[in-house]
Amino acid sequence: MNTLTAVAAMTAGLSVILTLVAFWLPQMNPNAEKLSPYECGFDPLGSARLPFSLRFFLVAILFLLFDLEIALLLPLPWGDQLEAPSVTFGWATAILVMLTLGLAYEWAQGGLEWAE
């Protein structure tokens, strides 16, 4: 058996085993809350005319901001191959400092508090 066939067989076998374990292992205890649809943090069965909290949007925007931070810092490990890796490190540090200061400001203003 050559190496490619052995790797393919192990991959297929491991995939089948993990699929079977994931199918039989979890405990299924459905109740009304688990079966109800989740609609943006508010009760889907209530009135549709209730005012919506803007804090949900703030948390969503903060999540997107820090998610984009990962996309900006993703090429950083390859930055040491450049002619001046200290410039790459400086820009990455500037991005992290700016985001950390913004997070500290939001935290100090109470923007991260979910309940009032």
PDB file of N, CA and C in Angstrom:
ATOM      1  N   MET A   1       0.854  -1.172   0.000  1.00  0.00           N
ATOM      2  CA  MET A   1       0.000   0.000   0.000  1.00  0.00           C
ATOM      3  C   MET A   1       0.902   1.238   0.000  1.00  0.00           C
ATOM      4  N   ASN A   2       0.715   2.109  -0.939  1.00  0.00           N
ATOM      5  CA  ASN A   2       1.570   3.292  -0.984  1.00  0.00           C
ATOM      6  C   ASN A   2       1.085   4.353  -0.001  1.00  0.00           C
ATOM      7  N   THR A   3       1.845   5.411   0.114  1.00  0.00           N
ATOM      8  CA  THR A   3       1.573   6.436   1.117  1.00  0.00           C
ATOM      9  C   THR A   3       0.270   7.175   0.844  1.00  0.00           C
ATOM     10  N   LEU A   4       0.004   7.479  -0.409  1.00  0.00           N
ATOM     11  CA  LEU A   4      -1.211   8.218  -0.749  1.00  0.00           C
ATOM     12  C   LEU A   4      -2.466   7.417  -0.406  1.00  0.00           C
ATOM     13  N   THR A   5      -2.448   6.121  -0.690  1.00  0.00           N
ATOM     14  CA  THR A   5      -3.595   5.270  -0.359  1.00  0.00           C
ATOM     15  C   THR A   5      -3.772   5.158   1.155  1.00  0.00           C
ATOM     16  N   ALA A   6      -2.666   5.050   1.882  1.00  0.00           N
ATOM     17  CA  ALA A   6      -2.750   4.946   3.340  1.00  0.00           C
ATOM     18  C   ALA A   6      -3.317   6.227   3.951  1.00  0.00           C
ATOM     19  N   VAL A   7      -2.869   7.386   3.458  1.00  0.00           N
ATOM     20  CA  VAL A   7      -3.383   8.662   3.979  1.00  0.00           C
ATOM     21  C   VAL A   7      -4.861   8.815   3.639  1.00  0.00           C
ATOM     22  N   ALA A   8      -5.257   8.444   2.424  1.00  0.00           N
ATOM     23  CA  ALA A   8      -6.667   8.530   2.033  1.00  0.00           C
ATOM     24  C   ALA A   8      -7.529   7.602   2.880  1.00  0.00           C
ATOM     25  N   ALA A   9      -7.047   6.394   3.162  1.00  0.00           N
ATOM     26  CA  ALA A   9      -7.808   5.443   3.979  1.00  0.00           C
ATOM     27  C   ALA A   9      -7.937   5.948   5.419  1.00  0.00           C
ATOM     28  N   MET A  10      -6.848   6.484   5.973  1.00  0.00           N
ATOM     29  CA  MET A  10      -6.917   7.007   7.341  1.00  0.00           C
ATOM     30  C   MET A  10      -7.840   8.218   7.423  1.00  0.00           C
ATOM     31  N   THR A  11      -7.800   9.076   6.422  1.00  0.00           N
ATOM     32  CA  THR A  11      -8.673  10.250   6.404  1.00  0.00           C
ATOM     33  C   THR A  11     -10.137   9.844   6.318  1.00  0.00           C
ATOM     34  N   ALA A  12     -10.440   8.902   5.432  1.00  0.00           N
ATOM     35  CA  ALA A  12     -11.826   8.433   5.303  1.00  0.00           C
ATOM     36  C   ALA A  12     -12.285   7.745   6.582  1.00  0.00           C
ATOM     37  N   GLY A  13     -11.435   6.913   7.161  1.00  0.00           N
ATOM     38  CA  GLY A  13     -11.792   6.214   8.401  1.00  0.00           C
ATOM     39  C   GLY A  13     -12.014   7.175   9.553  1.00  0.00           C
ATOM     40  N   LEU A  14     -11.125   8.140   9.701  1.00  0.00           N
ATOM     41  CA  LEU A  14     -11.285   9.125  10.773  1.00  0.00           C
ATOM     42  C   LEU A  14     -12.538   9.972  10.571  1.00  0.00           C
ATOM     43  N   SER A  15     -12.844  10.322   9.322  1.00  0.00           N
ATOM     44  CA  SER A  15     -14.054  11.093   9.038  1.00  0.00           C
ATOM     45  C   SER A  15     -15.308  10.315   9.402  1.00  0.00           C
ATOM     46  N   VAL A  16     -15.334   9.037   9.070  1.00  0.00           N
ATOM     47  CA  VAL A  16     -16.495   8.205   9.396  1.00  0.00           C
ATOM     48  C   VAL A  16     -16.635   8.057  10.905  1.00  0.00           C
ATOM     49  N   ILE A  17     -15.537   7.831  11.600  1.00  0.00           N
ATOM     50  CA  ILE A  17     -15.592   7.668  13.056  1.00  0.00           C
ATOM     51  C   ILE A  17     -16.078   8.956  13.727  1.00  0.00           C
ATOM     52  N   LEU A  18     -15.532  10.106  13.320  1.00  0.00           N
ATOM     53  CA  LEU A  18     -15.959  11.373  13.921  1.00  0.00           C
ATOM     54  C   LEU A  18     -17.415  11.701  13.612  1.00  0.00           C
ATOM     55  N   THR A  19     -17.875  11.343  12.415  1.00  0.00           N
ATOM     56  CA  THR A  19     -19.275  11.572  12.070  1.00  0.00           C
ATOM     57  C   THR A  19     -20.190  10.714  12.936  1.00  0.00           C
ATOM     58  N   LEU A  20     -19.829   9.464  13.123  1.00  0.00           N
ATOM     59  CA  LEU A  20     -20.652   8.573  13.962  1.00  0.00           C
ATOM     60  C   LEU A  20     -20.658   9.026  15.415  1.00  0.00           C
ATOM     61  N   VAL A  21     -19.510   9.433  15.935  1.00  0.00           N
ATOM     62  CA  VAL A  21     -19.443   9.903  17.322  1.00  0.00           C
ATOM     63  C   VAL A  21     -20.270  11.180  17.484  1.00  0.00           C
ATOM     64  N   ALA A  22     -20.181  12.109  16.520  1.00  0.00           N
ATOM     65  CA  ALA A  22     -20.950  13.347  16.608  1.00  0.00           C
ATOM     66  C   ALA A  22     -22.447  13.095  16.474  1.00  0.00           C
ATOM     67  N   PHE A  23     -22.829  12.014  15.812  1.00  0.00           N
ATOM     68  CA  PHE A  23     -24.246  11.716  15.650  1.00  0.00           C
ATOM     69  C   PHE A  23     -24.830  11.069  16.905  1.00  0.00           C
ATOM     70  N   TRP A  24     -24.072  10.198  17.564  1.00  0.00           N
ATOM     71  CA  TRP A  24     -24.617   9.465  18.712  1.00  0.00           C
ATOM     72  C   TRP A  24     -24.253  10.057  20.060  1.00  0.00           C
ATOM     73  N   LEU A  25     -23.240  10.869  20.145  1.00  0.00           N
ATOM     74  CA  LEU A  25     -22.781  11.359  21.435  1.00  0.00           C
ATOM     75  C   LEU A  25     -23.657  12.438  22.071  1.00  0.00           C
ATOM     76  N   PRO A  26     -24.141  13.439  21.339  1.00  0.00           N
ATOM     77  CA  PRO A  26     -24.877  14.517  22.014  1.00  0.00           C
ATOM     78  C   PRO A  26     -26.202  14.040  22.593  1.00  0.00           C
ATOM     79  N   GLN A  27     -26.576  14.670  23.694  1.00  0.00           N
ATOM     80  CA  GLN A  27     -27.844  14.352  24.333  1.00  0.00           C
ATOM     81  C   GLN A  27     -28.913  15.279  23.766  1.00  0.00           C
ATOM     82  N   MET A  28     -29.932  14.706  23.213  1.00  0.00           N
ATOM     83  CA  MET A  28     -31.010  15.493  22.614  1.00  0.00           C
ATOM     84  C   MET A  28     -32.133  15.655  23.630  1.00  0.00           C
ATOM     85  N   ASN A  29     -32.279  16.850  24.167  1.00  0.00           N
ATOM     86  CA  ASN A  29     -33.347  17.175  25.106  1.00  0.00           C
ATOM     87  C   ASN A  29     -34.086  18.407  24.590  1.00  0.00           C
ATOM     88  N   PRO A  30     -34.913  18.261  23.575  1.00  0.00           N
ATOM     89  CA  PRO A  30     -35.586  19.455  23.038  1.00  0.00           C
ATOM     90  C   PRO A  30     -36.641  19.992  24.012  1.00  0.00           C
ATOM     91  N   ASN A  31     -36.687  21.298  24.129  1.00  0.00           N
ATOM     92  CA  ASN A  31     -37.746  21.951  24.895  1.00  0.00           C
ATOM     93  C   ASN A  31     -38.216  23.168  24.101  1.00  0.00           C
ATOM     94  N   ALA A  32     -39.139  23.918  24.644  1.00  0.00           N
ATOM     95  CA  ALA A  32     -39.747  25.021  23.899  1.00  0.00           C
ATOM     96  C   ALA A  32     -38.732  26.120  23.572  1.00  0.00           C
ATOM     97  N   GLU A  33     -37.814  26.407  24.501  1.00  0.00           N
ATOM     98  CA  GLU A  33     -36.847  27.470  24.246  1.00  0.00           C
ATOM     99  C   GLU A  33     -35.831  27.074  23.185  1.00  0.00           C
ATOM    100  N   LYS A  34     -35.412  25.811  23.189  1.00  0.00           N
ATOM    101  CA  LYS A  34     -34.451  25.367  22.190  1.00  0.00           C
ATOM    102  C   LYS A  34     -35.079  25.280  20.799  1.00  0.00           C
ATOM    103  N   LEU A  35     -36.352  25.010  20.730  1.00  0.00           N
ATOM    104  CA  LEU A  35     -37.009  24.849  19.447  1.00  0.00           C
ATOM    105  C   LEU A  35     -37.528  26.160  18.862  1.00  0.00           C
ATOM    106  N   SER A  36     -37.543  27.229  19.665  1.00  0.00           N
ATOM    107  CA  SER A  36     -38.039  28.504  19.150  1.00  0.00           C
ATOM    108  C   SER A  36     -36.938  29.190  18.343  1.00  0.00           C
ATOM    109  N   PRO A  37     -37.320  29.937  17.310  1.00  0.00           N
ATOM    110  CA  PRO A  37     -36.297  30.624  16.513  1.00  0.00           C
ATOM    111  C   PRO A  37     -35.705  31.803  17.277  1.00  0.00           C
ATOM    112  N   TYR A  38     -34.462  32.073  17.039  1.00  0.00           N
ATOM    113  CA  TYR A  38     -33.782  33.193  17.683  1.00  0.00           C
ATOM    114  C   TYR A  38     -33.763  34.358  16.706  1.00  0.00           C
ATOM    115  N   GLU A  39     -34.328  35.459  17.093  1.00  0.00           N
ATOM    116  CA  GLU A  39     -34.422  36.621  16.212  1.00  0.00           C
ATOM    117  C   GLU A  39     -33.770  37.829  16.867  1.00  0.00           C
ATOM    118  N   CYS A  40     -32.500  37.998  16.676  1.00  0.00           N
ATOM    119  CA  CYS A  40     -31.762  39.217  17.029  1.00  0.00           C
ATOM    120  C   CYS A  40     -31.895  39.642  18.485  1.00  0.00           C
ATOM    121  N   GLY A  41     -32.029  38.736  19.412  1.00  0.00           N
ATOM    122  CA  GLY A  41     -31.995  39.085  20.815  1.00  0.00           C
ATOM    123  C   GLY A  41     -33.309  39.483  21.429  1.00  0.00           C
ATOM    124  N   PHE A  42     -34.416  39.411  20.707  1.00  0.00           N
ATOM    125  CA  PHE A  42     -35.698  39.743  21.324  1.00  0.00           C
ATOM    126  C   PHE A  42     -36.675  38.591  21.109  1.00  0.00           C
ATOM    127  N   ASP A  43     -37.745  38.618  21.863  1.00  0.00           N
ATOM    128  CA  ASP A  43     -38.736  37.542  21.839  1.00  0.00           C
ATOM    129  C   ASP A  43     -39.450  37.528  20.490  1.00  0.00           C
ATOM    130  N   PRO A  44     -39.373  36.429  19.729  1.00  0.00           N
ATOM    131  CA  PRO A  44     -40.011  36.405  18.414  1.00  0.00           C
ATOM    132  C   PRO A  44     -41.531  36.299  18.483  1.00  0.00           C
ATOM    133  N   LEU A  45     -42.073  35.962  19.651  1.00  0.00           N
ATOM    134  CA  LEU A  45     -43.512  35.789  19.766  1.00  0.00           C
ATOM    135  C   LEU A  45     -44.209  37.043  20.277  1.00  0.00           C
ATOM    136  N   GLY A  46     -43.451  38.048  20.667  1.00  0.00           N
ATOM    137  CA  GLY A  46     -44.025  39.283  21.189  1.00  0.00           C
ATOM    138  C   GLY A  46     -44.432  40.228  20.072  1.00  0.00           C
ATOM    139  N   SER A  47     -44.737  41.441  20.458  1.00  0.00           N
ATOM    140  CA  SER A  47     -45.144  42.466  19.504  1.00  0.00           C
ATOM    141  C   SER A  47     -43.955  42.910  18.658  1.00  0.00           C
ATOM    142  N   ALA A  48     -44.192  43.158  17.392  1.00  0.00           N
ATOM    143  CA  ALA A  48     -43.134  43.614  16.496  1.00  0.00           C
ATOM    144  C   ALA A  48     -42.913  45.109  16.587  1.00  0.00           C
ATOM    145  N   ARG A  49     -43.712  45.827  17.352  1.00  0.00           N
ATOM    146  CA  ARG A  49     -43.626  47.281  17.440  1.00  0.00           C
ATOM    147  C   ARG A  49     -42.867  47.757  18.675  1.00  0.00           C
ATOM    148  N   LEU A  50     -42.195  46.864  19.385  1.00  0.00           N
ATOM    149  CA  LEU A  50     -41.438  47.268  20.557  1.00  0.00           C
ATOM    150  C   LEU A  50     -40.150  47.966  20.127  1.00  0.00           C
ATOM    151  N   PRO A  51     -39.693  48.958  20.901  1.00  0.00           N
ATOM    152  CA  PRO A  51     -38.433  49.607  20.544  1.00  0.00           C
ATOM    153  C   PRO A  51     -37.266  48.634  20.673  1.00  0.00           C
ATOM    154  N   PHE A  52     -36.314  48.780  19.774  1.00  0.00           N
ATOM    155  CA  PHE A  52     -35.180  47.861  19.727  1.00  0.00           C
ATOM    156  C   PHE A  52     -33.969  48.521  20.372  1.00  0.00           C
ATOM    157  N   SER A  53     -33.250  47.792  21.180  1.00  0.00           N
ATOM    158  CA  SER A  53     -32.088  48.327  21.882  1.00  0.00           C
ATOM    159  C   SER A  53     -30.916  48.519  20.914  1.00  0.00           C
ATOM    160  N   LEU A  54     -30.327  49.701  20.955  1.00  0.00           N
ATOM    161  CA  LEU A  54     -29.175  49.973  20.104  1.00  0.00           C
ATOM    162  C   LEU A  54     -27.901  49.333  20.638  1.00  0.00           C
ATOM    163  N   ARG A  55     -27.933  48.844  21.861  1.00  0.00           N
ATOM    164  CA  ARG A  55     -26.764  48.166  22.412  1.00  0.00           C
ATOM    165  C   ARG A  55     -26.449  46.888  21.641  1.00  0.00           C
ATOM    166  N   PHE A  56     -27.477  46.250  21.107  1.00  0.00           N
ATOM    167  CA  PHE A  56     -27.237  45.060  20.299  1.00  0.00           C
ATOM    168  C   PHE A  56     -26.405  45.421  19.077  1.00  0.00           C
ATOM    169  N   PHE A  57     -26.733  46.533  18.428  1.00  0.00           N
ATOM    170  CA  PHE A  57     -25.979  46.963  17.261  1.00  0.00           C
ATOM    171  C   PHE A  57     -24.552  47.340  17.639  1.00  0.00           C
ATOM    172  N   LEU A  58     -24.353  47.958  18.806  1.00  0.00           N
ATOM    173  CA  LEU A  58     -23.022  48.337  19.249  1.00  0.00           C
ATOM    174  C   LEU A  58     -22.156  47.098  19.448  1.00  0.00           C
ATOM    175  N   VAL A  59     -22.703  46.076  20.090  1.00  0.00           N
ATOM    176  CA  VAL A  59     -21.945  44.853  20.305  1.00  0.00           C
ATOM    177  C   VAL A  59     -21.644  44.169  18.970  1.00  0.00           C
ATOM    178  N   ALA A  60     -22.593  44.186  18.040  1.00  0.00           N
ATOM    179  CA  ALA A  60     -22.368  43.581  16.726  1.00  0.00           C
ATOM    180  C   ALA A  60     -21.274  44.330  15.968  1.00  0.00           C
ATOM    181  N   ILE A  61     -21.268  45.652  16.036  1.00  0.00           N
ATOM    182  CA  ILE A  61     -20.239  46.431  15.345  1.00  0.00           C
ATOM    183  C   ILE A  61     -18.878  46.197  15.985  1.00  0.00           C
ATOM    184  N   LEU A  62     -18.826  46.102  17.303  1.00  0.00           N
ATOM    185  CA  LEU A  62     -17.554  45.807  17.965  1.00  0.00           C
ATOM    186  C   LEU A  62     -17.042  44.431  17.568  1.00  0.00           C
ATOM    187  N   PHE A  63     -17.938  43.470  17.453  1.00  0.00           N
ATOM    188  CA  PHE A  63     -17.524  42.142  17.012  1.00  0.00           C
ATOM    189  C   PHE A  63     -16.934  42.200  15.612  1.00  0.00           C
ATOM    190  N   LEU A  64     -17.600  42.918  14.711  1.00  0.00           N
ATOM    191  CA  LEU A  64     -17.081  43.038  13.346  1.00  0.00           C
ATOM    192  C   LEU A  64     -15.737  43.754  13.322  1.00  0.00           C
ATOM    193  N   LEU A  65     -15.577  44.762  14.157  1.00  0.00           N
ATOM    194  CA  LEU A  65     -14.326  45.495  14.206  1.00  0.00           C
ATOM    195  C   LEU A  65     -13.174  44.598  14.623  1.00  0.00           C
ATOM    196  N   PHE A  66     -13.383  43.810  15.674  1.00  0.00           N
ATOM    197  CA  PHE A  66     -12.308  42.940  16.128  1.00  0.00           C
ATOM    198  C   PHE A  66     -12.133  41.726  15.222  1.00  0.00           C
ATOM    199  N   ASP A  67     -13.161  41.360  14.477  1.00  0.00           N
ATOM    200  CA  ASP A  67     -13.021  40.311  13.487  1.00  0.00           C
ATOM    201  C   ASP A  67     -12.169  40.809  12.321  1.00  0.00           C
ATOM    202  N   LEU A  68     -12.354  42.060  11.921  1.00  0.00           N
ATOM    203  CA  LEU A  68     -11.535  42.633  10.863  1.00  0.00           C
ATOM    204  C   LEU A  68     -10.092  42.844  11.322  1.00  0.00           C
ATOM    205  N   GLU A  69      -9.895  43.017  12.615  1.00  0.00           N
ATOM    206  CA  GLU A  69      -8.533  43.128  13.135  1.00  0.00           C
ATOM    207  C   GLU A  69      -7.742  41.875  12.810  1.00  0.00           C
ATOM    208  N   ILE A  70      -8.371  40.735  12.917  1.00  0.00           N
ATOM    209  CA  ILE A  70      -7.688  39.478  12.594  1.00  0.00           C
ATOM    210  C   ILE A  70      -7.302  39.455  11.122  1.00  0.00           C
ATOM    211  N   ALA A  71      -8.172  39.952  10.258  1.00  0.00           N
ATOM    212  CA  ALA A  71      -7.863  39.980   8.834  1.00  0.00           C
ATOM    213  C   ALA A  71      -6.695  40.929   8.540  1.00  0.00           C
ATOM    214  N   LEU A  72      -6.602  42.022   9.297  1.00  0.00           N
ATOM    215  CA  LEU A  72      -5.488  42.948   9.089  1.00  0.00           C
ATOM    216  C   LEU A  72      -4.171  42.380   9.591  1.00  0.00           C
ATOM    217  N   LEU A  73      -4.219  41.594  10.648  1.00  0.00           N
ATOM    218  CA  LEU A  73      -2.990  41.059  11.233  1.00  0.00           C
ATOM    219  C   LEU A  73      -2.615  39.690  10.681  1.00  0.00           C
ATOM    220  N   LEU A  74      -3.442  39.122   9.823  1.00  0.00           N
ATOM    221  CA  LEU A  74      -3.158  37.787   9.290  1.00  0.00           C
ATOM    222  C   LEU A  74      -1.848  37.718   8.514  1.00  0.00           C
ATOM    223  N   PRO A  75      -1.516  38.700   7.680  1.00  0.00           N
ATOM    224  CA  PRO A  75      -0.239  38.596   6.952  1.00  0.00           C
ATOM    225  C   PRO A  75       1.000  38.913   7.794  1.00  0.00           C
ATOM    226  N   LEU A  76       0.839  39.202   9.061  1.00  0.00           N
ATOM    227  CA  LEU A  76       1.962  39.604   9.904  1.00  0.00           C
ATOM    228  C   LEU A  76       3.093  38.575   9.965  1.00  0.00           C
ATOM    229  N   PRO A  77       2.843  37.264  10.067  1.00  0.00           N
ATOM    230  CA  PRO A  77       3.975  36.322  10.116  1.00  0.00           C
ATOM    231  C   PRO A  77       4.854  36.350   8.874  1.00  0.00           C
ATOM    232  N   TRP A  78       4.298  36.741   7.739  1.00  0.00           N
ATOM    233  CA  TRP A  78       5.104  36.805   6.529  1.00  0.00           C
ATOM    234  C   TRP A  78       5.822  38.146   6.412  1.00  0.00           C
ATOM    235  N   GLY A  79       5.547  39.056   7.325  1.00  0.00           N
ATOM    236  CA  GLY A  79       6.171  40.365   7.279  1.00  0.00           C
ATOM    237  C   GLY A  79       7.654  40.340   7.587  1.00  0.00           C
ATOM    238  N   ASP A  80       8.153  39.296   8.237  1.00  0.00           N
ATOM    239  CA  ASP A  80       9.592  39.240   8.525  1.00  0.00           C
ATOM    240  C   ASP A  80      10.413  38.923   7.278  1.00  0.00           C
ATOM    241  N   GLN A  81       9.753  38.594   6.173  1.00  0.00           N
ATOM    242  CA  GLN A  81      10.459  38.353   4.920  1.00  0.00           C
ATOM    243  C   GLN A  81      10.702  39.648   4.144  1.00  0.00           C
ATOM    244  N   LEU A  82      10.127  40.748   4.603  1.00  0.00           N
ATOM    245  CA  LEU A  82      10.296  42.021   3.921  1.00  0.00           C
ATOM    246  C   LEU A  82      11.680  42.605   4.219  1.00  0.00           C
ATOM    247  N   GLU A  83      12.000  43.682   3.507  1.00  0.00           N
ATOM    248  CA  GLU A  83      13.304  44.315   3.704  1.00  0.00           C
ATOM    249  C   GLU A  83      13.401  44.988   5.069  1.00  0.00           C
ATOM    250  N   ALA A  84      12.280  45.534   5.556  1.00  0.00           N
ATOM    251  CA  ALA A  84      12.272  46.207   6.866  1.00  0.00           C
ATOM    252  C   ALA A  84      11.145  45.627   7.713  1.00  0.00           C
ATOM    253  N   PRO A  85      11.401  44.503   8.396  1.00  0.00           N
ATOM    254  CA  PRO A  85      10.319  43.902   9.205  1.00  0.00           C
ATOM    255  C   PRO A  85       9.910  44.770  10.385  1.00  0.00           C
ATOM    256  N   SER A  86      10.761  45.677  10.816  1.00  0.00           N
ATOM    257  CA  SER A  86      10.394  46.541  11.939  1.00  0.00           C
ATOM    258  C   SER A  86       9.259  47.495  11.554  1.00  0.00           C
ATOM    259  N   VAL A  87       9.172  47.868  10.278  1.00  0.00           N
ATOM    260  CA  VAL A  87       8.074  48.724   9.823  1.00  0.00           C
ATOM    261  C   VAL A  87       6.753  47.963   9.914  1.00  0.00           C
ATOM    262  N   THR A  88       6.760  46.700   9.496  1.00  0.00           N
ATOM    263  CA  THR A  88       5.561  45.866   9.599  1.00  0.00           C
ATOM    264  C   THR A  88       5.141  45.700  11.054  1.00  0.00           C
ATOM    265  N   PHE A  89       6.130  45.452  11.924  1.00  0.00           N
ATOM    266  CA  PHE A  89       5.834  45.323  13.346  1.00  0.00           C
ATOM    267  C   PHE A  89       5.291  46.628  13.907  1.00  0.00           C
ATOM    268  N   GLY A  90       5.807  47.743  13.449  1.00  0.00           N
ATOM    269  CA  GLY A  90       5.325  49.047  13.916  1.00  0.00           C
ATOM    270  C   GLY A  90       3.884  49.301  13.527  1.00  0.00           C
ATOM    271  N   TRP A  91       3.536  48.997  12.269  1.00  0.00           N
ATOM    272  CA  TRP A  91       2.146  49.175  11.836  1.00  0.00           C
ATOM    273  C   TRP A  91       1.201  48.237  12.591  1.00  0.00           C
ATOM    274  N   ALA A  92       1.606  46.998  12.802  1.00  0.00           N
ATOM    275  CA  ALA A  92       0.761  46.058  13.549  1.00  0.00           C
ATOM    276  C   ALA A  92       0.577  46.525  14.989  1.00  0.00           C
ATOM    277  N   THR A  93       1.646  47.035  15.583  1.00  0.00           N
ATOM    278  CA  THR A  93       1.546  47.556  16.946  1.00  0.00           C
ATOM    279  C   THR A  93       0.631  48.772  16.998  1.00  0.00           C
ATOM    280  N   ALA A  94       0.715  49.630  15.983  1.00  0.00           N
ATOM    281  CA  ALA A  94      -0.161  50.807  15.946  1.00  0.00           C
ATOM    282  C   ALA A  94      -1.624  50.401  15.848  1.00  0.00           C
ATOM    283  N   ILE A  95      -1.916  49.396  15.028  1.00  0.00           N
ATOM    284  CA  ILE A  95      -3.301  48.910  14.905  1.00  0.00           C
ATOM    285  C   ILE A  95      -3.790  48.355  16.233  1.00  0.00           C
ATOM    286  N   LEU A  96      -2.958  47.536  16.885  1.00  0.00           N
ATOM    287  CA  LEU A  96      -3.367  46.940  18.162  1.00  0.00           C
ATOM    288  C   LEU A  96      -3.535  47.999  19.255  1.00  0.00           C
ATOM    289  N   VAL A  97      -2.659  48.984  19.297  1.00  0.00           N
ATOM    290  CA  VAL A  97      -2.778  50.045  20.306  1.00  0.00           C
ATOM    291  C   VAL A  97      -4.055  50.850  20.077  1.00  0.00           C
ATOM    292  N   MET A  98      -4.342  51.171  18.812  1.00  0.00           N
ATOM    293  CA  MET A  98      -5.547  51.938  18.506  1.00  0.00           C
ATOM    294  C   MET A  98      -6.805  51.159  18.888  1.00  0.00           C
ATOM    295  N   LEU A  99      -6.847  49.878  18.569  1.00  0.00           N
ATOM    296  CA  LEU A  99      -8.020  49.075  18.928  1.00  0.00           C
ATOM    297  C   LEU A  99      -8.128  48.886  20.438  1.00  0.00           C
ATOM    298  N   THR A 100      -7.003  48.744  21.119  1.00  0.00           N
ATOM    299  CA  THR A 100      -7.041  48.598  22.581  1.00  0.00           C
ATOM    300  C   THR A 100      -7.533  49.878  23.248  1.00  0.00           C
ATOM    301  N   LEU A 101      -7.084  51.025  22.749  1.00  0.00           N
ATOM    302  CA  LEU A 101      -7.573  52.296  23.304  1.00  0.00           C
ATOM    303  C   LEU A 101      -9.064  52.481  23.044  1.00  0.00           C
ATOM    304  N   GLY A 102      -9.531  52.085  21.863  1.00  0.00           N
ATOM    305  CA  GLY A 102     -10.963  52.163  21.569  1.00  0.00           C
ATOM    306  C   GLY A 102     -11.776  51.246  22.459  1.00  0.00           C
ATOM    307  N   LEU A 103     -11.267  50.054  22.709  1.00  0.00           N
ATOM    308  CA  LEU A 103     -11.961  49.123  23.595  1.00  0.00           C
ATOM    309  C   LEU A 103     -11.995  49.655  25.025  1.00  0.00           C
ATOM    310  N   ALA A 104     -10.885  50.218  25.481  1.00  0.00           N
ATOM    311  CA  ALA A 104     -10.854  50.790  26.836  1.00  0.00           C
ATOM    312  C   ALA A 104     -11.830  51.956  26.953  1.00  0.00           C
ATOM    313  N   TYR A 105     -11.929  52.773  25.912  1.00  0.00           N
ATOM    314  CA  TYR A 105     -12.872  53.898  25.925  1.00  0.00           C
ATOM    315  C   TYR A 105     -14.316  53.395  26.001  1.00  0.00           C
ATOM    316  N   GLU A 106     -14.650  52.408  25.175  1.00  0.00           N
ATOM    317  CA  GLU A 106     -16.011  51.854  25.201  1.00  0.00           C
ATOM    318  C   GLU A 106     -16.321  51.227  26.555  1.00  0.00           C
ATOM    319  N   TRP A 107     -15.340  50.557  27.122  1.00  0.00           N
ATOM    320  CA  TRP A 107     -15.538  49.924  28.429  1.00  0.00           C
ATOM    321  C   TRP A 107     -15.749  50.986  29.504  1.00  0.00           C
ATOM    322  N   ALA A 108     -14.951  52.065  29.448  1.00  0.00           N
ATOM    323  CA  ALA A 108     -15.084  53.128  30.451  1.00  0.00           C
ATOM    324  C   ALA A 108     -16.411  53.865  30.309  1.00  0.00           C
ATOM    325  N   GLN A 109     -16.934  54.000  29.105  1.00  0.00           N
ATOM    326  CA  GLN A 109     -18.216  54.677  28.882  1.00  0.00           C
ATOM    327  C   GLN A 109     -19.406  53.776  29.200  1.00  0.00           C
ATOM    328  N   GLY A 110     -19.167  52.495  29.451  1.00  0.00           N
ATOM    329  CA  GLY A 110     -20.254  51.568  29.758  1.00  0.00           C
ATOM    330  C   GLY A 110     -20.938  51.033  28.530  1.00  0.00           C
ATOM    331  N   GLY A 111     -20.307  51.127  27.388  1.00  0.00           N
ATOM    332  CA  GLY A 111     -20.908  50.650  26.153  1.00  0.00           C
ATOM    333  C   GLY A 111     -20.965  49.148  26.032  1.00  0.00           C
ATOM    334  N   LEU A 112     -20.205  48.435  26.850  1.00  0.00           N
ATOM    335  CA  LEU A 112     -20.194  46.975  26.791  1.00  0.00           C
ATOM    336  C   LEU A 112     -21.145  46.332  27.787  1.00  0.00           C
ATOM    337  N   GLU A 113     -21.814  47.145  28.582  1.00  0.00           N
ATOM    338  CA  GLU A 113     -22.782  46.612  29.545  1.00  0.00           C
ATOM    339  C   GLU A 113     -24.055  46.242  28.782  1.00  0.00           C
ATOM    340  N   TRP A 114     -24.443  44.986  28.868  1.00  0.00           N
ATOM    341  CA  TRP A 114     -25.611  44.531  28.119  1.00  0.00           C
ATOM    342  C   TRP A 114     -26.904  44.985  28.780  1.00  0.00           C
ATOM    343  N   ALA A 115     -27.010  44.813  30.090  1.00  0.00           N
ATOM    344  CA  ALA A 115     -28.227  45.197  30.820  1.00  0.00           C
ATOM    345  C   ALA A 115     -28.010  46.555  31.488  1.00  0.00           C
ATOM    346  N   GLU A 116     -29.057  47.310  31.545  1.00  0.00           N
ATOM    347  CA  GLU A 116     -28.974  48.638  32.166  1.00  0.00           C
ATOM    348  C   GLU A 116     -29.488  48.593  33.578  1.00  0.00           C
TER     349      GLU A 116
END
